[in-house]
Amino acid sequence: MIVVSRAEVEFHGGQARTGPVTWAQQSTWDGMCRWLPDVKPFFTLPRWLDVPLLLELGDVLDVLGKLVLRHESLRTHFDVSANGEVTQRVVGSGTLPVEVHDRPADDPVQFGDIVGDCWRRGAETPFDHGGELPIRLSVALHEGIPVLVVFVVSHLAADHTGADLLAAELTALLRARVDGVAPPAPRKALQPLDIARYERSPEGQLRNVEALRHLRTQLQRMPAYFGRAEPATPRYVGADLASDVLPVAVRRAARRCRTTTSVVLLAITTALVGRVWPGPRCRLDVMQGNRVTPELLGSVTTLNQVVRTVVDLDGDSFTDLLRRAEHTMREARAVSRYDTRAEQEVLRAWGGVLAPGVQFNDMWSLLPKPRTTPTDPDPATTELTWPATSEAEDMALYLDIKGTPERMVLGLMADTAVLTREEIGAFLRTFEHLATALAEHGGEYHLAHADPRGPDAGGRSRPDRDGQAGRPPRSPDRPEPQHPSHPPSGVGAGGGRRPG
């Protein structure tokens, strides 16, 4: 029988300070308040990692304390005034509770299930940001020996990249402790309060003015929205396509078309949306990670913000769509940091209604390239799964692109008034097919082949498996290696704005 106990992580000697939140933190805060008391998956980001052998629980707790001390975002409380102004309050010293799960050798419960349980408990209750630090920690033991660390971090403290940075840094700190060497030096990075100070500088305010000017231009072209059919129940259905083929095909297509992988992914998305959307243009929200300098690249905070655009859906070839996608991405990068409350004032002055559209969130292109690239990945390893449903969302289609350098995961949450469940699966399979075709033929490939409502373009994928997306490994002793962000079955079900 698993024994659950409590421990504490201590941290001392950090800098304590208080100040305003960043624009991205404000956006995340307002997004959470928009949905509460409902809990949406974007509220938190879960990760897990192996603990090297030869470490005691006390070693792991000590290393966790050093990790928290390095990043102000992990030791920050968020306070809100009576008029709704949010401030962040960094503490220099304190403690964090840790759940400890000790599994005896003869217990049938597997470590993958422990990871899933820790993730679910960590995500099912919203953080009390005024009184609770924004990270929840668990350690899994085998007969008293640490095996795994699991954490769930609030989206106010980290975005997708920030959570990956934490997992990688914690792994390096644990390895240094095992090897008996000095821990790696902290990466040079801006803390959230430093970012907030820049945003209020003259240079930051100029960026805000330019971003709001771009928004006003897009609002002049904002189309109305209408569904194609009566929605199903539940209204929103999510599917994931995990593919070894896509990383190779997308990189080859980018080289062939002399562009970036993000542009290729957006062009394919636009091609498919154009075949199912009930109008000649649609609202396209492009999520930007905003990690454009070395100091921001290593920041553990939430930096992603949405850039609202309008995209035309016509065109005869992918050359047209690639050119359009390059323009969209270039503009989005230039205006991706702005005061979200000032944005709301612009929207109120506009007086219109932001119709649901498409949100495009490419996190995969930020990953490092693999040291070796497979030359002929097996399409039979592609898997389509159905991990999520939801009754209420802000957008008609959400496309999240993530995974590992070697295996891309396309996550599509769709309004069934736009795409039926069958069309959602066909959309994702056709995406893989089009990426392969672009890699072979380049931008002259004709858009007539880009209809997800036609026959299954992939045709070679494994059968669909409901509810099995990214299940934690089933080894009874130690999980198999995989990316620390891969969720267990059932975790993350539901919708809402996706973390970037």
Protein backbone atom coordinates (compact mmCIF):
# COMPACT_ATOMS: atom_id res chain seq x y z
CA MET A 1 0.00 0.00 0.00
CA ILE A 2 1.33 3.43 -0.97
CA VAL A 3 2.14 5.65 1.99
CA VAL A 4 1.43 9.34 1.44
CA SER A 5 3.17 11.86 3.68
CA ARG A 6 4.09 15.53 3.67
CA ALA A 7 7.46 17.23 3.52
CA GLU A 8 8.63 20.79 3.03
CA VAL A 9 10.96 22.60 0.67
CA GLU A 10 12.74 25.54 2.28
CA PHE A 11 14.31 28.49 0.50
CA HIS A 12 16.19 31.41 2.06
CA GLY A 13 18.11 34.51 1.04
CA GLY A 14 16.25 35.56 -2.07
CA GLN A 15 15.35 39.11 -3.02
CA ALA A 16 11.92 40.28 -1.86
CA ARG A 17 10.18 42.97 -3.90
CA THR A 18 6.78 44.10 -5.13
CA GLY A 19 5.56 45.66 -8.36
CA PRO A 20 3.09 45.51 -11.24
CA VAL A 21 2.39 42.41 -13.28
CA THR A 22 3.57 42.05 -16.86
CA TRP A 23 1.19 42.36 -19.79
CA ALA A 24 1.28 38.60 -20.33
CA GLN A 25 0.58 37.94 -16.63
CA GLN A 26 -2.32 40.40 -16.77
CA SER A 27 -3.73 38.62 -19.80
CA THR A 28 -3.46 35.25 -18.05
CA TRP A 29 -5.01 36.63 -14.85
CA ASP A 30 -7.96 38.09 -16.76
CA GLY A 31 -8.34 34.85 -18.72
CA MET A 32 -8.54 32.84 -15.52
CA CYS A 33 -11.07 35.23 -13.99
CA ARG A 34 -13.09 34.97 -17.20
CA TRP A 35 -13.66 31.23 -16.63
CA LEU A 36 -13.70 30.81 -12.84
CA PRO A 37 -15.21 28.97 -11.04
CA ASP A 38 -14.76 26.57 -13.97
CA VAL A 39 -11.20 25.25 -14.10
CA LYS A 40 -9.68 25.23 -17.59
CA PRO A 41 -6.54 23.32 -18.63
CA PHE A 42 -4.61 26.49 -19.41
CA PHE A 43 -4.66 27.44 -15.71
CA THR A 44 -1.76 25.08 -15.01
CA LEU A 45 1.16 23.31 -16.69
CA PRO A 46 2.22 19.89 -15.34
CA ARG A 47 5.63 18.25 -15.74
CA TRP A 48 7.43 15.18 -14.40
CA LEU A 49 11.03 13.97 -14.48
CA ASP A 50 13.22 11.12 -13.30
CA VAL A 51 15.33 11.41 -10.17
CA PRO A 52 18.84 9.93 -10.69
CA LEU A 53 19.64 6.98 -8.47
CA LEU A 54 21.71 7.43 -5.28
CA LEU A 55 19.81 10.50 -4.04
CA GLU A 56 17.93 10.64 -0.75
CA LEU A 57 14.65 12.49 -0.25
CA GLY A 58 16.52 15.21 1.63
CA ASP A 59 18.77 15.75 -1.41
CA VAL A 60 15.76 16.17 -3.70
CA LEU A 61 14.08 18.63 -1.33
CA ASP A 62 17.27 20.66 -1.04
CA VAL A 63 17.64 20.84 -4.83
CA LEU A 64 14.00 21.89 -5.20
CA GLY A 65 14.65 24.70 -2.73
CA LYS A 66 17.58 25.92 -4.83
CA LEU A 67 15.40 25.83 -7.95
CA VAL A 68 12.70 27.95 -6.30
CA LEU A 69 15.31 30.42 -5.08
CA ARG A 70 16.61 30.95 -8.64
CA HIS A 71 13.26 32.02 -10.10
CA GLU A 72 11.23 34.86 -8.64
CA SER A 73 8.15 33.64 -10.52
CA LEU A 74 8.05 30.54 -8.28
CA ARG A 75 8.04 32.55 -5.06
CA THR A 76 5.50 35.18 -6.05
CA HIS A 77 2.08 35.95 -4.62
CA PHE A 78 -0.46 37.90 -6.68
CA ASP A 79 -2.68 40.45 -4.95
CA VAL A 80 -5.67 42.27 -6.43
CA SER A 81 -6.97 45.62 -5.22
CA ALA A 82 -10.59 46.70 -4.90
CA ASN A 83 -10.44 48.34 -8.34
CA GLY A 84 -9.03 45.19 -9.98
CA GLU A 85 -5.36 46.20 -10.19
CA VAL A 86 -3.07 43.18 -9.87
CA THR A 87 0.38 43.35 -8.28
CA GLN A 88 3.02 40.68 -7.75
CA ARG A 89 4.77 40.22 -4.42
CA VAL A 90 8.04 38.26 -4.45
CA VAL A 91 9.07 36.67 -1.14
CA GLY A 92 12.74 36.11 -0.27
CA SER A 93 12.31 33.17 2.11
CA GLY A 94 9.66 30.60 2.87
CA THR A 95 8.52 27.00 2.53
CA LEU A 96 6.59 24.93 0.01
CA PRO A 97 4.62 21.78 0.87
CA VAL A 98 5.54 18.55 -0.92
CA GLU A 99 3.42 15.43 -1.28
CA VAL A 100 5.54 12.29 -0.87
CA HIS A 101 4.25 8.98 -2.27
CA ASP A 102 6.25 5.94 -1.13
CA ARG A 103 5.39 2.78 -3.07
CA PRO A 104 6.43 -0.60 -1.64
CA ALA A 105 7.98 -3.12 -4.01
CA ASP A 106 4.94 -5.41 -3.94
CA ASP A 107 2.34 -2.69 -4.59
CA PRO A 108 0.50 -3.12 -7.94
CA VAL A 109 0.05 0.62 -8.49
CA GLN A 110 2.33 1.78 -11.27
CA PHE A 111 4.34 4.99 -11.28
CA GLY A 112 2.53 6.21 -14.37
CA ASP A 113 -0.68 6.18 -12.33
CA ILE A 114 1.01 8.10 -9.52
CA VAL A 115 2.08 10.77 -12.01
CA GLY A 116 -1.46 11.01 -13.33
CA ASP A 117 -2.94 11.28 -9.84
CA CYS A 118 -0.47 14.02 -8.86
CA TRP A 119 -1.24 15.95 -12.03
CA ARG A 120 -4.98 15.69 -11.52
CA ARG A 121 -4.84 16.79 -7.88
CA GLY A 122 -2.48 19.62 -8.75
CA ALA A 123 -4.71 20.92 -11.54
CA GLU A 124 -8.25 20.35 -10.30
CA THR A 125 -8.21 23.14 -7.69
CA PRO A 126 -7.36 26.70 -8.76
CA PHE A 127 -4.33 28.26 -7.09
CA ASP A 128 -5.00 30.75 -4.32
CA HIS A 129 -2.47 33.17 -5.74
CA GLY A 130 -2.77 35.58 -2.83
CA GLY A 131 -1.80 33.00 -0.22
CA GLU A 132 -0.19 30.12 -2.14
CA LEU A 133 3.03 30.06 -4.13
CA PRO A 134 2.35 29.13 -7.78
CA ILE A 135 3.88 25.64 -7.88
CA ARG A 136 2.69 22.33 -6.40
CA LEU A 137 5.28 19.62 -5.82
CA SER A 138 5.19 15.85 -5.42
CA VAL A 139 7.94 13.24 -5.08
CA ALA A 140 7.40 9.52 -5.77
CA LEU A 141 9.55 7.02 -3.87
CA HIS A 142 10.20 3.30 -4.34
CA GLU A 143 10.90 1.69 -0.99
CA GLY A 144 12.08 5.07 0.32
CA ILE A 145 14.27 5.86 -2.73
CA PRO A 146 13.25 8.92 -4.81
CA VAL A 147 12.22 7.94 -8.33
CA LEU A 148 10.20 10.83 -9.76
CA VAL A 149 9.51 14.52 -9.21
CA VAL A 150 6.14 15.83 -10.36
CA PHE A 151 5.17 19.48 -10.39
CA VAL A 152 2.19 21.56 -11.49
CA VAL A 153 2.96 25.24 -12.07
CA SER A 154 0.43 28.04 -12.48
CA HIS A 155 0.26 29.68 -15.90
CA LEU A 156 0.82 32.97 -14.05
CA ALA A 157 4.33 31.73 -13.20
CA ALA A 158 5.29 29.96 -16.44
CA ASP A 159 4.18 29.31 -19.97
CA HIS A 160 4.84 26.09 -21.92
CA THR A 161 8.47 27.00 -22.59
CA GLY A 162 8.98 28.24 -19.04
CA ALA A 163 7.73 24.94 -17.63
CA ASP A 164 10.09 23.05 -19.92
CA LEU A 165 12.96 25.25 -18.72
CA LEU A 166 12.12 24.36 -15.13
CA ALA A 167 12.09 20.64 -15.89
CA ALA A 168 15.42 20.83 -17.74
CA GLU A 169 17.07 22.94 -15.02
CA LEU A 170 15.83 20.67 -12.24
CA THR A 171 17.19 17.66 -14.13
CA ALA A 172 20.60 19.33 -14.40
CA LEU A 173 20.63 20.29 -10.71
CA LEU A 174 19.78 16.73 -9.65
CA ARG A 175 22.48 15.31 -11.91
CA ALA A 176 25.06 17.70 -10.46
CA ARG A 177 24.12 16.56 -6.95
CA VAL A 178 24.60 12.91 -7.94
CA ASP A 179 27.94 13.62 -9.63
CA GLY A 180 29.17 15.65 -6.68
CA VAL A 181 29.96 18.71 -8.80
CA ALA A 182 28.93 22.34 -8.52
CA PRO A 183 25.43 23.04 -9.82
CA PRO A 184 25.22 24.74 -13.22
CA ALA A 185 25.11 28.51 -13.00
CA PRO A 186 21.70 30.13 -13.34
CA ARG A 187 20.89 31.09 -16.90
CA LYS A 188 20.98 34.83 -17.58
CA ALA A 189 17.32 35.78 -17.72
CA LEU A 190 14.93 38.59 -16.90
CA GLN A 191 12.62 38.16 -13.91
CA PRO A 192 8.94 39.13 -14.29
CA LEU A 193 9.31 42.43 -12.41
CA ASP A 194 12.19 43.38 -14.71
CA ILE A 195 9.98 42.69 -17.72
CA ALA A 196 7.15 44.76 -16.22
CA ARG A 197 9.56 47.66 -15.69
CA TYR A 198 10.59 47.53 -19.38
CA GLU A 199 6.96 47.48 -20.51
CA ARG A 200 6.36 50.74 -18.65
CA SER A 201 9.44 52.40 -20.14
CA PRO A 202 9.15 54.74 -23.17
CA GLU A 203 10.36 51.95 -25.46
CA GLY A 204 7.80 49.52 -24.04
CA GLN A 205 4.99 52.04 -24.34
CA LEU A 206 5.89 52.64 -27.99
CA ARG A 207 5.54 48.90 -28.61
CA ASN A 208 2.13 49.05 -27.00
CA VAL A 209 1.03 51.95 -29.23
CA GLU A 210 2.12 50.07 -32.37
CA ALA A 211 0.34 46.90 -31.27
CA LEU A 212 -2.92 48.72 -30.61
CA ARG A 213 -2.66 50.48 -33.98
CA HIS A 214 -2.34 47.07 -35.65
CA LEU A 215 -5.38 45.83 -33.71
CA ARG A 216 -7.52 48.75 -34.93
CA THR A 217 -6.52 47.94 -38.52
CA GLN A 218 -7.55 44.31 -38.12
CA LEU A 219 -10.87 45.21 -36.50
CA GLN A 220 -11.85 47.07 -39.68
CA ARG A 221 -11.73 43.72 -41.52
CA MET A 222 -13.15 41.51 -38.76
CA PRO A 223 -15.76 39.17 -40.28
CA ALA A 224 -18.95 37.87 -38.73
CA TYR A 225 -19.17 34.21 -37.76
CA PHE A 226 -21.78 31.59 -38.37
CA GLY A 227 -21.68 27.85 -37.96
CA ARG A 228 -22.33 25.38 -40.76
CA ALA A 229 -24.61 23.11 -38.79
CA GLU A 230 -26.26 22.37 -35.47
CA PRO A 231 -23.56 21.53 -32.92
CA ALA A 232 -23.31 18.19 -31.19
CA THR A 233 -23.27 17.53 -27.44
CA PRO A 234 -20.74 18.14 -26.01
CA ARG A 235 -20.28 21.05 -28.38
CA TYR A 236 -16.46 21.13 -28.48
CA VAL A 237 -14.42 18.02 -29.20
CA GLY A 238 -10.65 17.73 -29.03
CA ALA A 239 -8.35 15.31 -30.84
CA ASP A 240 -4.56 14.83 -30.87
CA LEU A 241 -2.52 13.52 -33.77
CA ALA A 242 0.94 12.32 -32.74
CA SER A 243 3.21 11.84 -35.74
CA ASP A 244 6.84 10.95 -36.47
CA VAL A 245 6.20 11.89 -40.10
CA LEU A 246 5.30 15.53 -39.46
CA PRO A 247 8.62 16.79 -38.01
CA VAL A 248 10.57 15.46 -40.99
CA ALA A 249 8.02 16.61 -43.56
CA VAL A 250 7.61 20.11 -42.10
CA ARG A 251 11.37 20.71 -41.93
CA ARG A 252 11.81 19.47 -45.51
CA ALA A 253 8.93 21.63 -46.72
CA ALA A 254 10.42 24.69 -44.99
CA ARG A 255 13.76 24.11 -46.69
CA ARG A 256 12.14 23.47 -50.07
CA CYS A 257 9.97 26.58 -49.83
CA ARG A 258 12.77 28.68 -48.25
CA THR A 259 10.77 29.67 -45.20
CA THR A 260 10.33 28.72 -41.55
CA THR A 261 8.54 25.76 -40.03
CA SER A 262 6.03 28.10 -38.36
CA VAL A 263 5.11 29.57 -41.75
CA VAL A 264 4.65 26.08 -43.23
CA LEU A 265 2.43 25.03 -40.32
CA LEU A 266 0.33 28.20 -40.57
CA ALA A 267 -0.03 27.84 -44.36
CA ILE A 268 -1.30 24.26 -44.00
CA THR A 269 -3.68 25.39 -41.26
CA THR A 270 -5.04 28.18 -43.49
CA ALA A 271 -5.46 25.78 -46.40
CA LEU A 272 -7.54 23.37 -44.33
CA VAL A 273 -9.58 26.08 -42.61
CA GLY A 274 -10.37 27.59 -46.02
CA ARG A 275 -12.02 24.34 -47.07
CA VAL A 276 -14.38 24.19 -44.08
CA TRP A 277 -14.91 27.79 -43.01
CA PRO A 278 -18.29 29.37 -43.84
CA GLY A 279 -16.84 32.57 -45.29
CA PRO A 280 -14.00 34.06 -47.40
CA ARG A 281 -11.98 35.23 -44.39
CA CYS A 282 -11.79 34.47 -40.70
CA ARG A 283 -10.41 35.78 -37.46
CA LEU A 284 -7.01 34.23 -36.76
CA ASP A 285 -5.44 34.64 -33.32
CA VAL A 286 -1.72 33.88 -33.50
CA MET A 287 -0.13 32.95 -30.18
CA GLN A 288 3.36 34.40 -29.86
CA GLY A 289 5.93 33.13 -27.35
CA ASN A 290 7.83 36.46 -27.28
CA ARG A 291 11.18 34.84 -26.47
CA VAL A 292 13.16 36.94 -28.92
CA THR A 293 16.25 37.90 -26.86
CA PRO A 294 18.67 35.73 -24.83
CA GLU A 295 17.37 37.28 -21.59
CA LEU A 296 13.77 36.41 -22.49
CA LEU A 297 14.65 33.01 -23.92
CA GLY A 298 15.66 31.79 -20.47
CA SER A 299 12.94 33.53 -18.43
CA VAL A 300 10.70 31.34 -16.31
CA THR A 301 7.49 33.31 -16.55
CA THR A 302 4.50 33.60 -18.83
CA LEU A 303 5.37 35.61 -21.94
CA ASN A 304 2.93 34.39 -24.57
CA GLN A 305 0.32 36.78 -25.92
CA VAL A 306 -2.26 36.50 -28.68
CA VAL A 307 -2.10 38.72 -31.77
CA ARG A 308 -5.52 39.19 -33.36
CA THR A 309 -5.45 39.11 -37.16
CA VAL A 310 -7.82 38.52 -40.05
CA VAL A 311 -6.77 36.08 -42.76
CA ASP A 312 -8.13 35.69 -46.30
CA LEU A 313 -8.86 32.07 -47.15
CA ASP A 314 -8.71 32.20 -50.95
CA GLY A 315 -5.80 31.12 -53.17
CA ASP A 316 -5.05 28.44 -55.73
CA SER A 317 -1.68 27.16 -54.55
CA PHE A 318 0.35 26.88 -51.42
CA THR A 319 2.68 29.53 -52.79
CA ASP A 320 -0.09 32.07 -52.20
CA LEU A 321 -0.74 30.78 -48.69
CA LEU A 322 2.96 30.63 -47.79
CA ARG A 323 3.42 34.25 -48.83
CA ARG A 324 0.38 35.26 -46.81
CA ALA A 325 1.52 33.21 -43.79
CA GLU A 326 4.97 34.84 -43.89
CA HIS A 327 3.35 38.28 -43.80
CA THR A 328 1.04 37.27 -40.95
CA MET A 329 3.85 35.84 -38.82
CA ARG A 330 6.14 38.81 -39.48
CA GLU A 331 3.45 41.26 -38.40
CA ALA A 332 2.51 39.14 -35.38
CA ARG A 333 6.10 39.09 -34.09
CA ALA A 334 6.29 42.88 -34.40
CA VAL A 335 3.14 43.62 -32.36
CA SER A 336 2.98 40.70 -29.94
CA ARG A 337 3.61 42.59 -26.70
CA TYR A 338 0.92 44.97 -25.52
CA ASP A 339 -1.19 46.06 -22.58
CA THR A 340 -4.17 43.71 -22.64
CA ARG A 341 -6.38 46.05 -20.61
CA ALA A 342 -5.67 48.83 -23.11
CA GLU A 343 -6.65 46.31 -25.78
CA GLN A 344 -10.01 45.84 -24.06
CA GLU A 345 -10.56 49.59 -24.22
CA VAL A 346 -9.91 49.52 -27.97
CA LEU A 347 -12.42 46.70 -28.36
CA ARG A 348 -15.04 48.58 -26.36
CA ALA A 349 -14.52 51.72 -28.45
CA TRP A 350 -14.83 49.62 -31.63
CA GLY A 351 -18.23 48.43 -30.44
CA GLY A 352 -18.36 45.26 -32.49
CA VAL A 353 -18.36 41.62 -31.45
CA LEU A 354 -15.24 39.49 -31.79
CA ALA A 355 -16.67 36.48 -33.54
CA PRO A 356 -15.09 33.10 -32.73
CA GLY A 357 -12.31 32.20 -35.12
CA VAL A 358 -9.14 30.11 -35.18
CA GLN A 359 -6.33 30.19 -32.62
CA PHE A 360 -2.94 29.03 -33.92
CA ASN A 361 -0.33 28.14 -31.29
CA ASP A 362 2.95 26.74 -32.61
CA MET A 363 5.09 25.68 -29.66
CA TRP A 364 6.89 22.94 -31.60
CA SER A 365 9.01 25.28 -33.74
CA LEU A 366 10.67 26.62 -30.56
CA LEU A 367 12.11 23.19 -29.74
CA PRO A 368 15.77 22.47 -30.51
CA LYS A 369 16.42 20.45 -33.64
CA PRO A 370 17.31 16.78 -33.08
CA ARG A 371 20.94 15.76 -33.40
CA THR A 372 19.96 13.13 -35.96
CA THR A 373 16.96 13.30 -38.29
CA PRO A 374 15.12 10.12 -39.36
CA THR A 375 15.24 9.79 -43.14
CA ASP A 376 12.11 7.69 -43.54
CA PRO A 377 9.78 7.78 -40.51
CA ASP A 378 7.11 5.10 -40.40
CA PRO A 379 3.62 6.55 -41.03
CA ALA A 380 2.15 3.53 -39.23
CA THR A 381 3.34 5.07 -35.95
CA THR A 382 0.92 8.01 -36.33
CA GLU A 383 -1.77 7.90 -33.64
CA LEU A 384 -5.06 9.77 -33.41
CA THR A 385 -6.59 10.10 -29.93
CA TRP A 386 -9.59 11.89 -28.41
CA PRO A 387 -8.60 13.24 -24.99
CA ALA A 388 -10.88 16.25 -24.51
CA THR A 389 -14.41 17.66 -24.71
CA SER A 390 -15.89 20.95 -23.56
CA GLU A 391 -19.22 22.73 -23.48
CA ALA A 392 -17.94 26.32 -23.73
CA GLU A 393 -15.01 27.98 -25.55
CA ASP A 394 -14.09 31.40 -26.92
CA MET A 395 -12.93 30.22 -30.34
CA ALA A 396 -14.30 27.92 -33.03
CA LEU A 397 -11.01 26.09 -33.62
CA TYR A 398 -7.89 25.82 -31.46
CA LEU A 399 -4.80 24.29 -33.05
CA ASP A 400 -1.92 23.60 -30.66
CA ILE A 401 1.33 22.25 -32.14
CA LYS A 402 3.80 20.75 -29.68
CA GLY A 403 5.54 17.46 -28.89
CA THR A 404 9.24 16.64 -29.17
CA PRO A 405 11.77 17.37 -31.92
CA GLU A 406 11.20 13.87 -33.28
CA ARG A 407 7.42 13.52 -32.76
CA MET A 408 4.95 16.32 -33.36
CA VAL A 409 1.57 16.46 -31.64
CA LEU A 410 -1.24 18.39 -33.33
CA GLY A 411 -4.01 19.19 -30.87
CA LEU A 412 -7.29 20.38 -32.39
CA MET A 413 -10.25 21.50 -30.27
CA ALA A 414 -13.16 22.29 -32.58
CA ASP A 415 -16.72 23.56 -32.45
CA THR A 416 -18.89 20.79 -33.86
CA ALA A 417 -20.96 23.48 -35.58
CA VAL A 418 -17.91 23.91 -37.84
CA LEU A 419 -16.38 20.42 -37.86
CA THR A 420 -18.07 17.17 -36.95
CA ARG A 421 -16.10 14.63 -34.94
CA GLU A 422 -15.31 12.71 -38.13
CA GLU A 423 -14.13 15.90 -39.84
CA ILE A 424 -11.90 16.75 -36.87
CA GLY A 425 -10.05 13.45 -37.35
CA ALA A 426 -9.89 13.98 -41.13
CA PHE A 427 -8.56 17.52 -40.63
CA LEU A 428 -5.61 16.22 -38.61
CA ARG A 429 -4.84 13.31 -40.94
CA THR A 430 -5.04 15.60 -43.97
CA PHE A 431 -2.64 17.98 -42.22
CA GLU A 432 -0.02 15.23 -42.13
CA HIS A 433 -0.71 14.34 -45.76
CA LEU A 434 -0.34 17.95 -46.91
CA ALA A 435 2.93 18.42 -45.02
CA THR A 436 4.31 15.35 -46.80
CA ALA A 437 3.09 16.67 -50.16
CA LEU A 438 4.65 20.09 -49.57
CA ALA A 439 7.95 18.45 -48.70
CA GLU A 440 7.85 16.60 -52.03
CA HIS A 441 6.28 19.13 -54.39
CA GLY A 442 6.84 22.55 -52.79
CA GLY A 443 4.51 25.54 -52.91
CA GLU A 444 2.97 24.75 -56.30
CA TYR A 445 0.95 21.93 -54.76
CA HIS A 446 -2.69 22.70 -55.59
CA LEU A 447 -5.19 23.48 -52.84
CA ALA A 448 -7.78 21.16 -54.36
CA HIS A 449 -6.03 18.39 -52.40
CA ALA A 450 -6.57 20.22 -49.10
CA ASP A 451 -10.11 19.18 -48.24
CA PRO A 452 -10.37 17.47 -44.84
CA ARG A 453 -13.97 16.51 -45.55
CA GLY A 454 -12.89 14.22 -48.36
CA PRO A 455 -11.49 10.69 -48.07
CA ASP A 456 -8.97 10.05 -45.32
CA ALA A 457 -5.79 11.45 -46.82
CA GLY A 458 -3.56 9.69 -44.38
CA GLY A 459 -5.12 6.30 -44.50
CA ARG A 460 -2.09 4.68 -42.90
CA SER A 461 -2.48 5.73 -39.28
CA ARG A 462 -3.10 3.42 -36.39
CA PRO A 463 -6.73 3.11 -35.32
CA ASP A 464 -8.11 5.86 -33.10
CA ARG A 465 -7.86 5.25 -29.36
CA ASP A 466 -10.30 7.18 -27.21
CA GLY A 467 -8.82 8.69 -24.07
CA GLN A 468 -5.28 7.32 -24.45
CA ALA A 469 -3.37 10.48 -25.39
CA GLY A 470 0.11 10.64 -23.93
CA ARG A 471 -0.65 8.21 -21.10
CA PRO A 472 2.23 8.08 -18.63
CA PRO A 473 4.41 5.00 -19.03
CA ARG A 474 3.21 1.78 -17.52
CA SER A 475 6.47 0.36 -16.20
CA PRO A 476 5.98 -0.66 -12.55
CA ASP A 477 9.52 0.42 -11.65
CA ARG A 478 10.27 3.61 -13.57
CA PRO A 479 8.48 5.38 -16.41
CA GLU A 480 9.86 5.04 -19.91
CA PRO A 481 11.62 8.16 -21.24
CA GLN A 482 9.31 10.72 -22.84
CA HIS A 483 8.78 14.45 -22.83
CA PRO A 484 7.91 15.67 -19.29
CA SER A 485 4.88 17.59 -20.56
CA HIS A 486 3.08 14.56 -22.00
CA PRO A 487 -0.15 14.24 -19.99
CA PRO A 488 -1.75 11.10 -18.64
CA SER A 489 -5.15 10.04 -19.90
CA GLY A 490 -7.89 12.40 -18.74
CA VAL A 491 -5.58 15.18 -17.60
CA GLY A 492 -6.21 18.37 -19.49
CA ALA A 493 -9.63 17.39 -20.74
CA GLY A 494 -11.62 20.45 -21.58
CA GLY A 495 -10.74 23.60 -23.38
CA GLY A 496 -10.11 27.27 -22.95
CA ARG A 497 -7.20 29.33 -24.20
CA ARG A 498 -4.23 27.08 -24.65
CA PRO A 499 -0.91 27.80 -22.97
CA GLY A 500 1.90 28.90 -25.22
